[in-house]
N, C-alpha and C. Protein backbone atom coordinates (compact mmCIF):
# COMPACT_ATOMS: atom_id res chain seq x y z
N MET A 1 -55.95 -96.23 -105.30
CA MET A 1 -55.08 -95.13 -104.91
C MET A 1 -54.16 -95.57 -103.78
N GLU A 2 -52.88 -95.35 -103.96
CA GLU A 2 -51.93 -95.65 -102.90
C GLU A 2 -52.10 -94.63 -101.77
N PRO A 3 -52.03 -95.08 -100.51
CA PRO A 3 -52.12 -94.13 -99.39
C PRO A 3 -50.99 -93.10 -99.45
N ILE A 4 -51.31 -91.87 -99.06
CA ILE A 4 -50.33 -90.79 -99.04
C ILE A 4 -50.35 -90.13 -97.66
N TRP A 5 -49.22 -89.53 -97.27
CA TRP A 5 -49.16 -88.80 -96.01
C TRP A 5 -49.74 -87.40 -96.21
N MET A 6 -50.64 -87.03 -95.31
CA MET A 6 -51.27 -85.71 -95.37
C MET A 6 -51.08 -85.00 -94.05
N ASN A 7 -50.93 -83.68 -94.13
CA ASN A 7 -50.80 -82.85 -92.95
C ASN A 7 -52.18 -82.63 -92.33
N GLY A 8 -52.27 -82.75 -91.01
CA GLY A 8 -53.54 -82.59 -90.32
C GLY A 8 -54.20 -81.24 -90.55
N GLU A 9 -53.40 -80.20 -90.64
CA GLU A 9 -53.96 -78.86 -90.85
C GLU A 9 -54.70 -78.77 -92.19
N GLU A 10 -54.10 -79.34 -93.23
CA GLU A 10 -54.75 -79.35 -94.55
C GLU A 10 -56.03 -80.19 -94.52
N MET A 11 -56.00 -81.29 -93.77
CA MET A 11 -57.17 -82.15 -93.67
C MET A 11 -58.32 -81.42 -92.98
N ILE A 12 -58.00 -80.65 -91.94
CA ILE A 12 -59.02 -79.88 -91.22
C ILE A 12 -59.62 -78.83 -92.14
N GLU A 13 -58.79 -78.15 -92.93
CA GLU A 13 -59.30 -77.15 -93.87
C GLU A 13 -60.26 -77.79 -94.88
N PHE A 14 -59.91 -78.99 -95.35
CA PHE A 14 -60.78 -79.68 -96.30
C PHE A 14 -62.12 -80.02 -95.65
N GLU A 15 -62.07 -80.53 -94.41
CA GLU A 15 -63.32 -80.86 -93.72
C GLU A 15 -64.19 -79.62 -93.53
N LYS A 16 -63.56 -78.50 -93.19
CA LYS A 16 -64.33 -77.26 -93.03
C LYS A 16 -65.02 -76.88 -94.34
N SER A 17 -64.32 -77.07 -95.46
CA SER A 17 -64.91 -76.72 -96.75
C SER A 17 -66.07 -77.65 -97.11
N GLN A 18 -66.03 -78.87 -96.59
CA GLN A 18 -67.09 -79.85 -96.88
C GLN A 18 -68.24 -79.76 -95.88
N GLY A 19 -67.97 -79.17 -94.71
CA GLY A 19 -68.99 -79.03 -93.69
C GLY A 19 -69.30 -80.32 -92.95
N ASP A 20 -68.40 -81.29 -93.00
CA ASP A 20 -68.66 -82.57 -92.35
C ASP A 20 -67.33 -83.29 -92.15
N TYR A 21 -67.37 -84.38 -91.35
CA TYR A 21 -66.19 -85.22 -91.20
C TYR A 21 -65.93 -85.95 -92.51
N CYS A 22 -64.67 -86.07 -92.88
CA CYS A 22 -64.33 -86.68 -94.17
C CYS A 22 -63.39 -87.88 -94.04
N TYR A 23 -62.82 -88.10 -92.86
CA TYR A 23 -61.80 -89.14 -92.69
C TYR A 23 -62.26 -90.15 -91.66
N PHE A 24 -61.99 -91.43 -91.94
CA PHE A 24 -62.46 -92.51 -91.10
C PHE A 24 -61.35 -93.53 -90.87
N TYR A 25 -61.46 -94.26 -89.74
CA TYR A 25 -60.59 -95.40 -89.51
C TYR A 25 -61.17 -96.60 -90.26
N GLU A 26 -60.39 -97.66 -90.38
CA GLU A 26 -60.84 -98.84 -91.13
C GLU A 26 -62.11 -99.45 -90.54
N ASN A 27 -62.33 -99.26 -89.22
CA ASN A 27 -63.53 -99.82 -88.58
C ASN A 27 -64.76 -98.93 -88.75
N GLY A 28 -64.60 -97.79 -89.44
CA GLY A 28 -65.72 -96.91 -89.70
C GLY A 28 -65.85 -95.74 -88.75
N ASP A 29 -65.05 -95.72 -87.67
CA ASP A 29 -65.09 -94.61 -86.73
C ASP A 29 -64.54 -93.34 -87.38
N VAL A 30 -65.10 -92.20 -86.98
CA VAL A 30 -64.66 -90.91 -87.50
C VAL A 30 -63.30 -90.56 -86.89
N VAL A 31 -62.40 -90.02 -87.71
CA VAL A 31 -61.10 -89.54 -87.24
C VAL A 31 -61.26 -88.08 -86.82
N ILE A 32 -60.94 -87.78 -85.57
CA ILE A 32 -60.88 -86.39 -85.12
C ILE A 32 -59.46 -85.93 -85.40
N VAL A 33 -59.30 -85.11 -86.44
CA VAL A 33 -57.99 -84.73 -86.96
C VAL A 33 -57.31 -83.74 -86.03
N ASN A 34 -56.04 -83.99 -85.73
CA ASN A 34 -55.20 -83.08 -84.96
C ASN A 34 -54.31 -82.33 -85.95
N SER A 35 -54.32 -81.01 -85.90
CA SER A 35 -53.57 -80.22 -86.88
C SER A 35 -52.06 -80.40 -86.77
N ASN A 36 -51.55 -80.95 -85.67
CA ASN A 36 -50.12 -81.13 -85.47
C ASN A 36 -49.61 -82.49 -85.92
N TRP A 37 -50.49 -83.37 -86.34
CA TRP A 37 -50.11 -84.73 -86.72
C TRP A 37 -50.19 -84.91 -88.23
N ASP A 38 -49.51 -85.93 -88.72
CA ASP A 38 -49.60 -86.33 -90.13
C ASP A 38 -50.33 -87.66 -90.21
N TYR A 39 -51.11 -87.83 -91.26
CA TYR A 39 -51.96 -89.01 -91.40
C TYR A 39 -51.70 -89.69 -92.74
N LEU A 40 -51.64 -91.02 -92.70
CA LEU A 40 -51.51 -91.82 -93.92
C LEU A 40 -52.92 -92.13 -94.40
N VAL A 41 -53.32 -91.49 -95.50
CA VAL A 41 -54.71 -91.53 -95.97
C VAL A 41 -54.80 -92.22 -97.32
N GLY A 42 -55.76 -93.12 -97.43
CA GLY A 42 -56.06 -93.78 -98.69
C GLY A 42 -57.57 -93.93 -98.82
N LEU A 43 -58.01 -94.68 -99.81
CA LEU A 43 -59.44 -94.90 -100.01
C LEU A 43 -59.84 -96.30 -99.59
N ASP A 44 -61.10 -96.46 -99.18
CA ASP A 44 -61.58 -97.79 -98.84
C ASP A 44 -61.71 -98.64 -100.11
N GLU A 45 -62.13 -99.89 -99.94
CA GLU A 45 -62.20 -100.83 -101.06
C GLU A 45 -63.12 -100.34 -102.18
N MET A 46 -64.16 -99.62 -101.81
CA MET A 46 -65.10 -99.12 -102.82
C MET A 46 -64.67 -97.75 -103.35
N GLU A 47 -63.52 -97.26 -102.89
CA GLU A 47 -62.97 -95.96 -103.26
C GLU A 47 -63.98 -94.84 -103.04
N LYS A 48 -64.68 -94.95 -101.92
CA LYS A 48 -65.70 -93.96 -101.57
C LYS A 48 -65.26 -93.10 -100.40
N ASN A 49 -64.72 -93.73 -99.35
CA ASN A 49 -64.36 -93.02 -98.13
C ASN A 49 -62.85 -92.91 -97.96
N SER A 50 -62.39 -91.80 -97.38
CA SER A 50 -60.97 -91.63 -97.06
C SER A 50 -60.69 -92.32 -95.74
N ILE A 51 -59.75 -93.25 -95.77
CA ILE A 51 -59.42 -94.06 -94.61
C ILE A 51 -58.03 -93.68 -94.10
N VAL A 52 -57.90 -93.52 -92.78
CA VAL A 52 -56.61 -93.26 -92.16
C VAL A 52 -56.02 -94.59 -91.73
N PHE A 53 -54.83 -94.92 -92.28
CA PHE A 53 -54.17 -96.18 -92.00
C PHE A 53 -53.10 -96.05 -90.92
N ASN A 54 -52.55 -94.85 -90.75
CA ASN A 54 -51.46 -94.66 -89.79
C ASN A 54 -51.40 -93.18 -89.41
N ILE A 55 -50.82 -92.91 -88.24
CA ILE A 55 -50.71 -91.54 -87.75
C ILE A 55 -49.28 -91.31 -87.24
N LYS A 56 -48.68 -90.17 -87.61
CA LYS A 56 -47.39 -89.74 -87.05
C LYS A 56 -47.67 -88.57 -86.12
N LYS A 57 -47.43 -88.81 -84.83
CA LYS A 57 -47.68 -87.75 -83.85
C LYS A 57 -46.44 -86.91 -83.63
């Protein structure tokens, strides 16, 4: 999957629906999503975890 830009507010809503953190940095750290920022999100090599590659503040 090619990385796509996602709005932080939508990402927070998704996490709330899942009841857990869903986005990670490449090093495995959890991304604390800011609703005012946009995030470049793709999947890790195993296509299991959503990885944030870049942030637009």
